[in-house]
Protein backbone atom coordinates (compact mmCIF):
# COMPACT_ATOMS: atom_id res chain seq x y z
CA MET A 1 -11.16 -27.54 -108.13
CA PRO A 2 -8.19 -29.69 -107.00
CA ILE A 3 -5.43 -30.08 -109.57
CA LYS A 4 -5.08 -33.64 -110.83
CA ILE A 5 -1.47 -34.72 -110.48
CA PRO A 6 -0.24 -37.17 -113.15
CA THR A 7 1.27 -40.49 -112.11
CA LEU A 8 4.07 -42.56 -113.57
CA SER A 9 4.46 -46.31 -113.21
CA PRO A 10 7.87 -47.56 -112.06
CA ARG A 11 8.75 -48.64 -115.61
CA GLU A 12 7.62 -45.32 -117.04
CA LEU A 13 9.72 -43.43 -114.52
CA ALA A 14 12.77 -45.59 -115.20
CA PHE A 15 12.37 -44.91 -118.94
CA ARG A 16 11.92 -41.16 -118.37
CA LEU A 17 15.02 -41.00 -116.20
CA GLU A 18 17.06 -42.60 -118.96
CA LYS A 19 15.78 -40.07 -121.49
CA SER A 20 15.62 -37.00 -119.21
CA PRO A 21 18.43 -36.93 -116.64
CA THR A 22 17.36 -33.41 -115.61
CA MET A 23 14.26 -34.82 -113.88
CA THR A 24 14.46 -34.53 -110.08
CA VAL A 25 13.23 -37.52 -108.08
CA VAL A 26 12.18 -36.62 -104.54
CA CYS A 27 11.69 -39.03 -101.65
CA VAL A 28 9.17 -37.38 -99.32
CA LEU A 29 9.73 -39.87 -96.48
CA THR A 30 12.00 -39.27 -93.49
CA PRO A 31 15.75 -38.77 -93.94
CA GLU A 32 16.33 -42.01 -92.01
CA THR A 33 14.18 -43.95 -94.47
CA HIS A 34 15.86 -42.28 -97.45
CA ALA A 35 19.29 -43.17 -96.07
CA ARG A 36 18.35 -46.83 -95.71
CA LYS A 37 16.59 -47.40 -99.03
CA ARG A 38 15.91 -45.03 -101.93
CA LEU A 39 15.60 -44.68 -105.67
CA PRO A 40 19.02 -44.08 -107.24
CA GLY A 41 19.90 -40.40 -107.43
CA SER A 42 16.86 -39.27 -105.46
CA ILE A 43 16.95 -36.40 -103.00
CA CYS A 44 15.06 -36.25 -99.70
CA ALA A 45 12.51 -33.58 -98.77
CA CYS A 46 10.39 -34.94 -95.94
CA ILE A 47 6.75 -33.88 -96.25
CA TYR A 48 6.30 -34.44 -92.50
CA GLU A 49 8.67 -31.56 -91.71
CA VAL A 50 7.46 -27.94 -91.64
CA VAL A 51 10.55 -26.90 -93.63
CA PHE A 52 9.45 -28.97 -96.64
CA PRO A 53 8.90 -25.87 -98.86
CA GLN A 54 12.31 -24.45 -97.95
CA THR A 55 14.01 -27.80 -98.58
CA MET A 56 12.43 -28.01 -102.02
CA ARG A 57 13.30 -24.41 -102.80
CA GLN A 58 16.96 -25.12 -102.09
CA ALA A 59 16.96 -28.43 -103.99
CA VAL A 60 15.05 -27.33 -107.10
CA LEU A 61 15.84 -23.75 -108.05
CA ASP A 62 13.92 -23.85 -111.33
CA LYS A 63 10.20 -24.47 -110.69
CA SER A 64 9.66 -25.40 -114.34
CA ARG A 65 11.98 -28.38 -113.97
CA PRO A 66 10.25 -31.84 -113.97
CA VAL A 67 9.83 -33.27 -110.46
CA VAL A 68 8.63 -36.74 -109.48
CA VAL A 69 7.79 -37.43 -105.85
CA TYR A 70 7.46 -40.80 -104.20
CA GLY A 71 6.39 -42.13 -100.83
CA ALA A 72 6.16 -45.56 -99.28
CA GLY A 73 3.33 -47.01 -101.32
CA ALA A 74 -0.43 -46.81 -100.97
CA SER A 75 -0.24 -44.18 -98.21
CA ARG A 76 -0.87 -40.46 -98.82
CA GLU A 77 2.48 -38.75 -98.36
CA ALA A 78 3.36 -38.48 -102.07
CA GLU A 79 -0.09 -37.19 -102.97
CA VAL A 80 0.10 -34.52 -100.26
CA ALA A 81 3.61 -33.49 -101.29
CA ALA A 82 2.66 -33.22 -104.96
CA GLY A 83 -0.35 -31.07 -104.12
CA ARG A 84 1.80 -28.85 -101.93
CA LEU A 85 4.38 -28.41 -104.68
CA SER A 86 1.74 -27.60 -107.26
CA ALA A 87 0.31 -24.93 -104.96
CA LEU A 88 3.82 -23.50 -104.52
CA GLY A 89 4.17 -23.01 -108.25
CA TYR A 90 6.09 -26.08 -109.40
CA ALA A 91 4.83 -26.51 -112.94
CA ASP A 92 5.72 -30.12 -113.81
CA VAL A 93 5.04 -32.46 -110.89
CA ALA A 94 4.23 -36.17 -111.07
CA ILE A 95 3.82 -39.01 -108.58
CA LEU A 96 5.48 -42.42 -108.72
CA ALA A 97 2.47 -44.74 -108.61
CA GLY A 98 2.85 -47.25 -105.80
CA GLY A 99 5.90 -45.48 -104.44
CA LEU A 100 8.95 -47.27 -103.10
CA ASP A 101 7.01 -50.53 -102.72
CA ALA A 102 6.06 -50.66 -106.40
CA TRP A 103 9.55 -49.69 -107.57
CA GLU A 104 11.06 -52.51 -105.51
CA ALA A 105 8.39 -54.99 -106.62
CA ALA A 106 9.23 -54.17 -110.25
CA GLY A 107 12.80 -55.30 -109.60
CA LEU A 108 14.28 -51.90 -110.35
CA PRO A 109 17.57 -50.85 -108.73
CA LEU A 110 17.74 -49.32 -105.26
CA GLU A 111 20.52 -47.80 -103.22
CA GLY A 112 21.14 -47.03 -99.56
CA GLU A 113 22.51 -48.49 -96.34
CA ALA A 114 19.98 -51.35 -96.36
CA ALA A 115 18.78 -51.39 -99.95
CA ASN A 116 18.25 -55.16 -99.93
CA GLU A 117 16.60 -55.38 -96.51
CA PRO A 118 12.95 -54.86 -95.55
CA LEU A 119 12.23 -51.42 -94.13
CA VAL A 120 11.21 -51.34 -90.47
CA ASP A 121 9.36 -48.36 -89.03
CA ILE A 122 10.76 -48.11 -85.50
CA ALA A 123 8.04 -45.62 -84.61
CA VAL A 124 5.41 -48.37 -84.68
CA LEU A 125 7.35 -51.35 -83.31
CA PRO A 126 5.32 -52.96 -80.50
CA PRO A 127 6.81 -53.22 -77.00
CA ALA A 128 8.64 -56.44 -76.31
CA PRO A 129 6.63 -58.96 -74.27
CA GLY A 130 7.54 -59.03 -70.60
CA THR A 131 7.10 -57.28 -67.28
CA TYR A 132 7.56 -53.51 -67.00
CA VAL A 133 7.97 -51.38 -63.88
CA LEU A 134 6.34 -47.95 -63.90
CA ASP A 135 8.65 -44.95 -63.77
CA ALA A 136 6.50 -42.82 -61.47
CA ALA A 137 8.40 -39.63 -62.27
CA GLN A 138 7.49 -40.00 -65.95
CA CYS A 139 3.84 -40.96 -65.41
CA THR A 140 1.02 -38.42 -65.35
CA LEU A 141 -2.65 -38.54 -64.47
CA GLU A 142 -4.67 -35.44 -65.29
CA TRP A 143 -8.24 -34.93 -64.11
CA THR A 144 -10.88 -32.56 -65.45
CA GLY A 145 -14.06 -31.62 -63.61
CA THR A 146 -16.84 -29.36 -64.84
CA ASN A 147 -20.04 -27.60 -63.96
CA LYS A 148 -22.18 -25.34 -66.12
CA ASN A 149 -20.03 -22.30 -65.32
CA ASN A 150 -16.49 -23.63 -64.90
CA ARG A 151 -13.93 -26.20 -65.87
CA HIS A 152 -11.13 -27.17 -63.49
CA HIS A 153 -8.21 -29.48 -64.11
CA GLY A 154 -5.19 -30.75 -62.25
CA LEU A 155 -2.92 -33.68 -61.52
CA VAL A 156 -2.80 -36.74 -59.31
CA GLU A 157 0.51 -38.53 -58.73
CA ILE A 158 1.04 -42.14 -59.71
CA ARG A 159 3.07 -43.97 -57.06
CA GLY A 160 4.13 -46.95 -59.12
CA GLY A 161 3.07 -50.33 -60.38
CA ARG A 162 3.79 -53.09 -62.86
CA ILE A 163 2.49 -54.05 -66.26
CA ARG A 164 2.76 -57.51 -67.78
CA LEU A 165 2.50 -57.48 -71.56
CA ASP A 166 2.34 -60.15 -74.23
CA ASP A 167 1.14 -60.27 -77.82
CA THR A 168 -2.50 -60.80 -76.89
CA ASP A 169 -3.06 -59.45 -73.39
CA VAL A 170 -2.09 -56.92 -70.71
CA LEU A 171 -2.10 -57.44 -66.94
CA GLY A 172 -0.99 -55.10 -64.21
CA GLU A 173 -1.57 -52.88 -61.23
CA ILE A 174 -1.26 -49.10 -60.90
CA HIS A 175 -1.09 -47.34 -57.53
CA ILE A 176 -2.42 -43.77 -57.39
CA ASP A 177 -1.76 -41.26 -54.61
CA VAL A 178 -5.19 -39.61 -54.44
CA GLY A 179 -4.01 -37.42 -51.56
CA SER A 180 -1.63 -35.67 -53.97
CA ILE A 181 -4.45 -34.15 -56.00
CA SER A 182 -3.65 -30.65 -57.26
CA ASN A 183 -5.30 -27.94 -59.32
CA LEU A 184 -3.57 -26.23 -62.24
CA ASP A 185 -6.00 -23.59 -63.47
CA LEU A 186 -6.79 -21.45 -60.39
CA THR A 187 -4.04 -18.86 -60.00
CA ASP A 188 -5.44 -17.31 -56.83
CA PRO A 189 -3.76 -19.21 -53.95
CA GLU A 190 -6.80 -19.05 -51.67
CA LEU A 191 -9.24 -20.25 -54.33
CA ASN A 192 -6.83 -22.99 -55.32
CA LYS A 193 -6.48 -24.15 -51.72
CA THR A 194 -10.24 -24.07 -51.20
CA LEU A 195 -10.90 -26.26 -54.23
CA VAL A 196 -8.18 -28.79 -53.40
CA THR A 197 -9.30 -29.00 -49.76
CA HIS A 198 -12.84 -29.67 -50.96
CA LEU A 199 -11.68 -32.41 -53.33
CA LEU A 200 -9.73 -34.08 -50.51
CA SER A 201 -12.72 -33.94 -48.16
CA GLU A 202 -15.54 -36.41 -47.55
CA ASP A 203 -17.62 -34.58 -50.17
CA PHE A 204 -15.39 -35.98 -52.88
CA PHE A 205 -12.48 -38.40 -52.41
CA ALA A 206 -12.18 -38.71 -48.61
CA THR A 207 -8.41 -39.03 -48.76
CA ALA A 208 -7.98 -39.05 -44.98
CA ARG A 209 -9.61 -42.48 -45.04
CA PHE A 210 -8.70 -43.58 -48.55
CA PRO A 211 -5.37 -41.98 -49.51
CA THR A 212 -4.65 -44.33 -52.40
CA ALA A 213 -6.49 -45.85 -55.32
CA VAL A 214 -5.55 -48.98 -57.24
CA MET A 215 -6.28 -49.75 -60.85
CA THR A 216 -6.01 -53.49 -61.47
CA ILE A 217 -5.73 -54.49 -65.13
CA THR A 218 -7.15 -57.93 -65.79
CA SER A 219 -7.27 -57.80 -69.58
CA GLY A 220 -5.86 -55.75 -72.43
CA GLN A 221 -6.77 -57.45 -75.67
CA SER A 222 -5.68 -56.05 -79.01
CA LEU A 223 -8.20 -53.94 -80.91
CA PRO A 224 -8.70 -55.22 -84.47
CA GLY A 225 -8.01 -52.73 -87.22
CA ALA A 226 -5.95 -50.39 -85.03
CA THR A 227 -3.57 -48.16 -86.99
CA PRO A 228 -0.44 -46.41 -85.66
CA GLY A 229 -1.40 -43.53 -83.40
CA THR A 230 -4.83 -44.90 -82.49
CA ALA A 231 -5.98 -46.97 -79.52
CA ASN A 232 -4.71 -50.53 -79.97
CA ARG A 233 -5.78 -52.23 -76.73
CA LEU A 234 -9.06 -52.51 -74.83
CA VAL A 235 -8.03 -52.28 -71.19
CA GLN A 236 -10.39 -53.87 -68.67
CA GLY A 237 -10.09 -54.23 -64.95
CA THR A 238 -11.22 -52.68 -61.69
CA LEU A 239 -10.69 -49.35 -59.97
CA ASN A 240 -10.57 -49.38 -56.17
CA LEU A 241 -11.29 -45.75 -55.27
CA ARG A 242 -12.69 -44.37 -52.02
CA GLY A 243 -13.02 -47.91 -50.71
CA VAL A 244 -15.22 -49.01 -53.62
CA ARG A 245 -14.03 -51.50 -56.21
CA LEU A 246 -15.86 -51.34 -59.54
CA PRO A 247 -15.16 -52.52 -63.09
CA LEU A 248 -13.61 -50.07 -65.52
CA ALA A 249 -12.85 -50.38 -69.23
CA PHE A 250 -11.36 -48.01 -71.79
CA PRO A 251 -9.33 -48.05 -75.02
CA ALA A 252 -5.62 -47.31 -74.71
CA THR A 253 -2.62 -46.82 -76.93
CA VAL A 254 0.29 -49.05 -75.89
CA GLU A 255 3.56 -48.32 -77.68
CA ARG A 256 7.30 -48.91 -77.61
CA LEU A 257 9.56 -45.93 -77.02
CA ASP A 258 12.77 -45.66 -79.03
CA ASP A 259 14.82 -46.78 -76.02
CA GLY A 260 12.75 -49.93 -75.53
CA ARG A 261 10.58 -48.67 -72.69
CA LEU A 262 6.81 -48.99 -72.72
CA ALA A 263 4.44 -46.04 -73.02
CA ALA A 264 0.68 -46.26 -72.59
CA GLN A 265 -1.88 -43.49 -72.92
CA ALA A 266 -5.63 -43.30 -72.47
CA SER A 267 -8.35 -40.71 -72.08
CA PHE A 268 -11.75 -41.60 -70.69
CA GLU A 269 -14.50 -40.46 -68.35
CA LEU A 270 -15.70 -42.01 -65.13
CA ASP A 271 -18.82 -41.34 -63.11
CA ARG A 272 -17.45 -40.23 -59.75
CA THR A 273 -20.76 -40.89 -58.00
CA LEU A 274 -20.39 -44.65 -58.53
CA TRP A 275 -17.41 -44.52 -56.17
CA GLY A 276 -19.24 -42.43 -53.58
CA ALA A 277 -17.88 -39.00 -54.56
CA ASP A 278 -21.38 -37.65 -55.00
CA TYR A 279 -21.18 -34.00 -53.92
CA GLY A 280 -23.38 -31.79 -56.10
CA SER A 281 -24.73 -34.65 -58.23
CA GLY A 282 -27.99 -33.70 -59.89
CA LYS A 283 -29.16 -37.30 -59.96
CA LEU A 284 -28.87 -37.62 -56.18
CA TYR A 285 -29.66 -34.14 -54.79
CA ARG A 286 -32.26 -31.46 -55.51
CA TYR A 287 -32.25 -27.66 -55.46
CA LEU A 288 -28.46 -27.54 -55.72
CA GLY A 289 -28.25 -24.11 -57.29
CA TYR A 290 -24.64 -23.19 -58.03
CA HIS A 291 -23.45 -26.29 -56.10
CA LEU A 292 -24.39 -28.52 -59.05
CA VAL A 293 -21.30 -30.41 -60.28
CA HIS A 294 -21.25 -32.66 -63.34
CA ASP A 295 -20.98 -36.35 -62.52
CA GLN A 296 -18.41 -37.23 -65.18
CA VAL A 297 -14.72 -36.67 -64.45
CA GLY A 298 -12.32 -36.67 -67.39
CA ILE A 299 -9.16 -38.71 -66.95
CA ALA A 300 -6.06 -38.51 -69.15
CA VAL A 301 -3.28 -40.87 -68.14
CA ARG A 302 0.20 -41.49 -69.53
CA LEU A 303 2.33 -44.32 -68.22
CA VAL A 304 6.02 -44.88 -68.89
CA ALA A 305 7.58 -48.13 -67.72
CA ASP A 306 11.02 -49.75 -67.80
CA PRO A 307 11.62 -53.42 -68.58
CA GLU A 308 11.94 -55.23 -65.27
CA ALA A 309 15.55 -56.05 -64.45
CA ARG A 310 16.18 -59.77 -64.37
CA PRO A 311 18.27 -61.27 -61.57
């Protein structure tokens, strides 16, 4: 049965600290957050770091000593930290109810580099609106193909493109060098060459005639209820592959990198037969035997783009 961890309101904690200065108050958020805004006298032991137990062991030598942990607010970090400490043998652990948010709302004192300023989580800042140019060297497109006996995967190079982003929509164009297709799982050079040659051929992507593909993004509306780390845009557009242009839609995660660049990631499946790559399709051919190939191709794409330089 899970151990129930007691909670203290901000006023209760403030009173306890006055009466029991030996109590250790632990901020379980990141060191950067702790440096900017924290409860007076608190130490930092970030629950997101794998060294959390070691940090606590160094900070609190006596496991019978009272410890109060706090996080941001209604999120789970303080609860997780308290449970971890209890399992590690800390005998007197409590949680500050409502965390840093509740302490500040109660008008209790704070300290730090920006104690009087709102906290900003740079990890979830959205990209600035504007036009971005793809950094082809940082972009990846991984494919996965399967049949009942095997799974193969590899890469296709992205040549370049542009993305136009605003608060409500995404537009853009991505150019893909289909002729660059490679395989990553076959270590035998001859088998690898045979598979890649087959994928380049008329049976699949006919790259002699159609060396490039173009993904045109016509819409990228925000997904309601998206939380950090989940898909936040519904990307819609067309894919021109093998001379066939068809609509395509998938959820994507569009984020701002720490240096201000844009990063976008998505994983989805497409039915290769719709674009004419129909070799081994069980819905189009019979008596295929071991030549049967699953219609769906998995795609995992990551784009990195720089803000377009202005003249």
